[in-house]
Amino acid sequence: MKNYSLKITPKANEDFKDILHYTLSEYGELQMQKYADKIWNSFQSIKSQPFLGKQALINGKGHFIHFVGKHTIFYDVNLDESSITIIRILHQKMNFIKHL
């Protein structure tokens, strides 16, 4: 099995920070840490099983999506570079087409 590297776009990194900030302000530090771990563990699952997510065609581009809690992780797999790129982490109520 290939060893994939993980890349996180600046927008996905910002999404992650915003999710944690919101979770901290609404639910407290313990819940924020639990959700941060849950998202990070999802990244690691995707890294070890790149085709774990469902394929989706969004704005004419093929992506993979993986659900975690109330959020959806959008990512791409580059077989030539053996890399996974996390594109965005969006709340499931958000308009994905608008934000991708």
N, C-alpha and C. Protein backbone atom coordinates (compact mmCIF):
# COMPACT_ATOMS: atom_id res chain seq x y z
N MET A 1 0.83 -1.18 0.00
CA MET A 1 0.00 0.00 0.00
C MET A 1 0.88 1.25 0.00
N LYS A 2 0.49 2.24 -0.79
CA LYS A 2 1.25 3.48 -0.89
C LYS A 2 1.17 4.28 0.40
N ASN A 3 2.21 5.06 0.64
CA ASN A 3 2.22 5.98 1.76
C ASN A 3 1.91 7.37 1.20
N TYR A 4 0.74 7.90 1.49
CA TYR A 4 0.30 9.19 0.97
C TYR A 4 0.69 10.32 1.92
N SER A 5 1.10 11.42 1.34
CA SER A 5 1.34 12.62 2.14
C SER A 5 0.02 13.39 2.24
N LEU A 6 -0.08 14.22 3.24
CA LEU A 6 -1.30 14.99 3.48
C LEU A 6 -0.99 16.47 3.36
N LYS A 7 -1.75 17.15 2.53
CA LYS A 7 -1.63 18.60 2.38
C LYS A 7 -2.97 19.21 2.79
N ILE A 8 -2.91 20.35 3.44
CA ILE A 8 -4.12 21.06 3.85
C ILE A 8 -4.05 22.46 3.26
N THR A 9 -5.04 22.82 2.45
CA THR A 9 -5.03 24.14 1.82
C THR A 9 -5.22 25.22 2.89
N PRO A 10 -4.82 26.45 2.59
CA PRO A 10 -5.05 27.55 3.55
C PRO A 10 -6.53 27.71 3.91
N LYS A 11 -7.43 27.53 2.94
CA LYS A 11 -8.86 27.66 3.24
C LYS A 11 -9.32 26.55 4.18
N ALA A 12 -8.85 25.33 3.97
CA ALA A 12 -9.22 24.23 4.86
C ALA A 12 -8.65 24.45 6.26
N ASN A 13 -7.45 24.98 6.33
CA ASN A 13 -6.84 25.29 7.62
C ASN A 13 -7.67 26.36 8.35
N GLU A 14 -8.10 27.37 7.61
CA GLU A 14 -8.95 28.42 8.18
C GLU A 14 -10.30 27.82 8.63
N ASP A 15 -10.86 26.92 7.81
CA ASP A 15 -12.11 26.25 8.19
C ASP A 15 -11.93 25.53 9.52
N PHE A 16 -10.83 24.79 9.64
CA PHE A 16 -10.54 24.01 10.85
C PHE A 16 -10.47 24.93 12.06
N LYS A 17 -9.74 26.02 11.93
CA LYS A 17 -9.62 26.98 13.03
C LYS A 17 -10.97 27.58 13.41
N ASP A 18 -11.78 27.93 12.39
CA ASP A 18 -13.10 28.50 12.64
C ASP A 18 -14.02 27.51 13.35
N ILE A 19 -13.95 26.24 12.94
CA ILE A 19 -14.76 25.19 13.58
C ILE A 19 -14.37 25.06 15.05
N LEU A 20 -13.08 25.05 15.31
CA LEU A 20 -12.62 24.90 16.69
C LEU A 20 -12.98 26.12 17.54
N HIS A 21 -12.84 27.29 16.97
CA HIS A 21 -13.20 28.52 17.69
C HIS A 21 -14.69 28.51 18.05
N TYR A 22 -15.53 28.17 17.07
CA TYR A 22 -16.97 28.11 17.32
C TYR A 22 -17.29 27.05 18.38
N THR A 23 -16.71 25.88 18.25
CA THR A 23 -16.97 24.80 19.20
C THR A 23 -16.54 25.21 20.61
N LEU A 24 -15.39 25.86 20.72
CA LEU A 24 -14.92 26.34 22.02
C LEU A 24 -15.91 27.34 22.62
N SER A 25 -16.35 28.30 21.82
CA SER A 25 -17.23 29.35 22.36
C SER A 25 -18.62 28.82 22.70
N GLU A 26 -19.08 27.81 21.99
CA GLU A 26 -20.44 27.29 22.21
C GLU A 26 -20.50 26.12 23.18
N TYR A 27 -19.45 25.28 23.18
CA TYR A 27 -19.52 24.02 23.92
C TYR A 27 -18.40 23.79 24.92
N GLY A 28 -17.40 24.66 24.90
CA GLY A 28 -16.33 24.54 25.88
C GLY A 28 -15.10 23.81 25.36
N GLU A 29 -14.05 23.87 26.19
CA GLU A 29 -12.74 23.36 25.79
C GLU A 29 -12.71 21.84 25.60
N LEU A 30 -13.37 21.11 26.47
CA LEU A 30 -13.35 19.65 26.37
C LEU A 30 -13.99 19.19 25.05
N GLN A 31 -15.14 19.76 24.72
CA GLN A 31 -15.81 19.38 23.48
C GLN A 31 -15.00 19.82 22.26
N MET A 32 -14.36 20.99 22.35
CA MET A 32 -13.52 21.46 21.25
C MET A 32 -12.40 20.47 20.99
N GLN A 33 -11.75 20.00 22.06
CA GLN A 33 -10.64 19.05 21.91
C GLN A 33 -11.13 17.73 21.32
N LYS A 34 -12.29 17.26 21.76
CA LYS A 34 -12.86 16.03 21.22
C LYS A 34 -13.14 16.16 19.72
N TYR A 35 -13.71 17.31 19.33
CA TYR A 35 -14.05 17.50 17.91
C TYR A 35 -12.78 17.68 17.08
N ALA A 36 -11.80 18.37 17.63
CA ALA A 36 -10.51 18.53 16.92
C ALA A 36 -9.90 17.16 16.67
N ASP A 37 -9.91 16.30 17.70
CA ASP A 37 -9.37 14.95 17.55
C ASP A 37 -10.15 14.15 16.51
N LYS A 38 -11.46 14.31 16.52
CA LYS A 38 -12.32 13.59 15.57
C LYS A 38 -12.00 13.99 14.13
N ILE A 39 -11.84 15.29 13.90
CA ILE A 39 -11.50 15.76 12.56
C ILE A 39 -10.09 15.28 12.18
N TRP A 40 -9.13 15.43 13.10
CA TRP A 40 -7.76 15.01 12.81
C TRP A 40 -7.69 13.50 12.53
N ASN A 41 -8.43 12.72 13.29
CA ASN A 41 -8.47 11.28 13.05
C ASN A 41 -9.07 10.96 11.68
N SER A 42 -10.03 11.76 11.25
CA SER A 42 -10.60 11.59 9.90
C SER A 42 -9.54 11.86 8.84
N PHE A 43 -8.72 12.89 9.06
CA PHE A 43 -7.62 13.17 8.13
C PHE A 43 -6.70 11.95 8.03
N GLN A 44 -6.39 11.35 9.16
CA GLN A 44 -5.49 10.21 9.17
C GLN A 44 -6.12 8.99 8.49
N SER A 45 -7.43 8.82 8.67
CA SER A 45 -8.14 7.73 7.99
C SER A 45 -8.12 7.92 6.48
N ILE A 46 -8.33 9.16 6.06
CA ILE A 46 -8.30 9.48 4.62
C ILE A 46 -6.89 9.24 4.08
N LYS A 47 -5.89 9.64 4.85
CA LYS A 47 -4.50 9.46 4.43
C LYS A 47 -4.17 7.98 4.24
N SER A 48 -4.65 7.14 5.12
CA SER A 48 -4.33 5.72 5.03
C SER A 48 -5.26 4.97 4.06
N GLN A 49 -6.43 5.55 3.78
CA GLN A 49 -7.39 4.94 2.85
C GLN A 49 -7.95 6.05 1.96
N PRO A 50 -7.20 6.50 0.97
CA PRO A 50 -7.57 7.67 0.17
C PRO A 50 -8.95 7.58 -0.51
N PHE A 51 -9.40 6.37 -0.77
CA PHE A 51 -10.68 6.23 -1.46
C PHE A 51 -11.81 5.89 -0.50
N LEU A 52 -11.60 6.22 0.76
CA LEU A 52 -12.59 6.02 1.80
C LEU A 52 -13.84 6.86 1.54
N GLY A 53 -13.65 8.09 1.08
CA GLY A 53 -14.76 9.00 0.84
C GLY A 53 -15.56 8.65 -0.40
N LYS A 54 -16.67 9.34 -0.53
CA LYS A 54 -17.51 9.18 -1.71
C LYS A 54 -17.06 10.17 -2.78
N GLN A 55 -17.14 9.76 -4.03
CA GLN A 55 -16.80 10.66 -5.12
C GLN A 55 -17.96 11.61 -5.37
N ALA A 56 -17.63 12.85 -5.68
CA ALA A 56 -18.64 13.87 -5.96
C ALA A 56 -18.15 14.79 -7.06
N LEU A 57 -19.04 15.15 -7.96
CA LEU A 57 -18.73 16.11 -9.01
C LEU A 57 -19.33 17.44 -8.59
N ILE A 58 -18.46 18.40 -8.31
CA ILE A 58 -18.90 19.70 -7.82
C ILE A 58 -18.26 20.78 -8.68
N ASN A 59 -19.10 21.62 -9.26
CA ASN A 59 -18.62 22.69 -10.15
C ASN A 59 -17.76 22.12 -11.28
N GLY A 60 -18.13 20.95 -11.76
CA GLY A 60 -17.42 20.33 -12.88
C GLY A 60 -16.11 19.67 -12.51
N LYS A 61 -15.79 19.61 -11.22
CA LYS A 61 -14.53 19.00 -10.78
C LYS A 61 -14.84 17.81 -9.88
N GLY A 62 -14.06 16.76 -10.04
CA GLY A 62 -14.24 15.58 -9.20
C GLY A 62 -13.49 15.72 -7.89
N HIS A 63 -14.18 15.48 -6.81
CA HIS A 63 -13.60 15.52 -5.47
C HIS A 63 -14.07 14.29 -4.71
N PHE A 64 -13.48 14.09 -3.56
CA PHE A 64 -13.97 13.10 -2.63
C PHE A 64 -14.54 13.84 -1.43
N ILE A 65 -15.56 13.25 -0.81
CA ILE A 65 -16.13 13.84 0.39
C ILE A 65 -16.16 12.78 1.49
N HIS A 66 -15.93 13.24 2.71
CA HIS A 66 -15.95 12.36 3.88
C HIS A 66 -16.66 13.13 4.99
N PHE A 67 -17.63 12.49 5.62
CA PHE A 67 -18.41 13.13 6.66
C PHE A 67 -17.80 12.88 8.03
N VAL A 68 -17.76 13.95 8.83
CA VAL A 68 -17.29 13.85 10.21
C VAL A 68 -18.15 14.80 11.05
N GLY A 69 -18.85 14.23 12.00
CA GLY A 69 -19.75 15.05 12.82
C GLY A 69 -20.74 15.78 11.94
N LYS A 70 -20.82 17.09 12.11
CA LYS A 70 -21.73 17.94 11.32
C LYS A 70 -21.03 18.57 10.12
N HIS A 71 -19.83 18.08 9.81
CA HIS A 71 -19.03 18.68 8.74
C HIS A 71 -18.70 17.69 7.64
N THR A 72 -18.36 18.25 6.50
CA THR A 72 -17.94 17.46 5.35
C THR A 72 -16.54 17.88 4.95
N ILE A 73 -15.65 16.92 4.85
CA ILE A 73 -14.29 17.17 4.40
C ILE A 73 -14.26 16.92 2.89
N PHE A 74 -13.80 17.91 2.15
CA PHE A 74 -13.63 17.79 0.70
C PHE A 74 -12.15 17.61 0.42
N TYR A 75 -11.81 16.60 -0.37
CA TYR A 75 -10.40 16.36 -0.64
C TYR A 75 -10.18 15.78 -2.03
N ASP A 76 -8.95 15.89 -2.48
CA ASP A 76 -8.53 15.33 -3.76
C ASP A 76 -7.40 14.34 -3.51
N VAL A 77 -7.31 13.37 -4.41
CA VAL A 77 -6.25 12.38 -4.37
C VAL A 77 -5.40 12.55 -5.63
N ASN A 78 -4.10 12.70 -5.44
CA ASN A 78 -3.18 12.78 -6.57
C ASN A 78 -2.33 11.51 -6.55
N LEU A 79 -2.67 10.60 -7.45
CA LEU A 79 -1.97 9.31 -7.49
C LEU A 79 -0.52 9.46 -7.92
N ASP A 80 -0.23 10.39 -8.85
CA ASP A 80 1.14 10.59 -9.33
C ASP A 80 2.07 11.06 -8.21
N GLU A 81 1.55 11.93 -7.35
CA GLU A 81 2.36 12.46 -6.25
C GLU A 81 2.15 11.71 -4.94
N SER A 82 1.26 10.73 -4.95
CA SER A 82 0.88 10.00 -3.73
C SER A 82 0.54 10.98 -2.61
N SER A 83 -0.37 11.90 -2.95
CA SER A 83 -0.75 12.92 -1.96
C SER A 83 -2.26 13.09 -1.89
N ILE A 84 -2.68 13.52 -0.73
CA ILE A 84 -4.07 13.86 -0.45
C ILE A 84 -4.07 15.35 -0.13
N THR A 85 -4.99 16.09 -0.75
CA THR A 85 -5.13 17.51 -0.45
C THR A 85 -6.51 17.75 0.14
N ILE A 86 -6.53 18.22 1.38
CA ILE A 86 -7.78 18.60 2.02
C ILE A 86 -8.10 20.00 1.50
N ILE A 87 -9.24 20.11 0.81
CA ILE A 87 -9.60 21.37 0.15
C ILE A 87 -10.40 22.28 1.08
N ARG A 88 -11.43 21.74 1.68
CA ARG A 88 -12.28 22.52 2.59
C ARG A 88 -12.88 21.59 3.63
N ILE A 89 -13.32 22.16 4.73
CA ILE A 89 -14.09 21.47 5.76
C ILE A 89 -15.31 22.35 6.01
N LEU A 90 -16.45 21.93 5.49
CA LEU A 90 -17.64 22.78 5.53
C LEU A 90 -18.75 22.13 6.33
N HIS A 91 -19.52 22.97 7.01
CA HIS A 91 -20.69 22.48 7.74
C HIS A 91 -21.68 21.91 6.72
N GLN A 92 -22.36 20.85 7.09
CA GLN A 92 -23.25 20.17 6.15
C GLN A 92 -24.42 21.02 5.70
N LYS A 93 -24.73 22.10 6.43
CA LYS A 93 -25.82 23.00 6.03
C LYS A 93 -25.36 24.06 5.02
N MET A 94 -24.05 24.14 4.80
CA MET A 94 -23.52 25.17 3.89
C MET A 94 -23.73 24.76 2.43
N ASN A 95 -23.80 25.75 1.58
CA ASN A 95 -23.92 25.54 0.15
C ASN A 95 -22.53 25.21 -0.39
N PHE A 96 -22.28 23.91 -0.61
CA PHE A 96 -20.96 23.47 -1.03
C PHE A 96 -20.52 24.11 -2.34
N ILE A 97 -21.42 24.22 -3.27
CA ILE A 97 -21.09 24.76 -4.59
C ILE A 97 -20.56 26.19 -4.47
N LYS A 98 -21.15 26.96 -3.60
CA LYS A 98 -20.74 28.36 -3.39
C LYS A 98 -19.33 28.46 -2.79
N HIS A 99 -18.97 27.50 -1.95
CA HIS A 99 -17.72 27.60 -1.20
C HIS A 99 -16.55 26.81 -1.79
N LEU A 100 -16.79 26.07 -2.86
CA LEU A 100 -15.69 25.32 -3.46
C LEU A 100 -15.20 25.98 -4.73
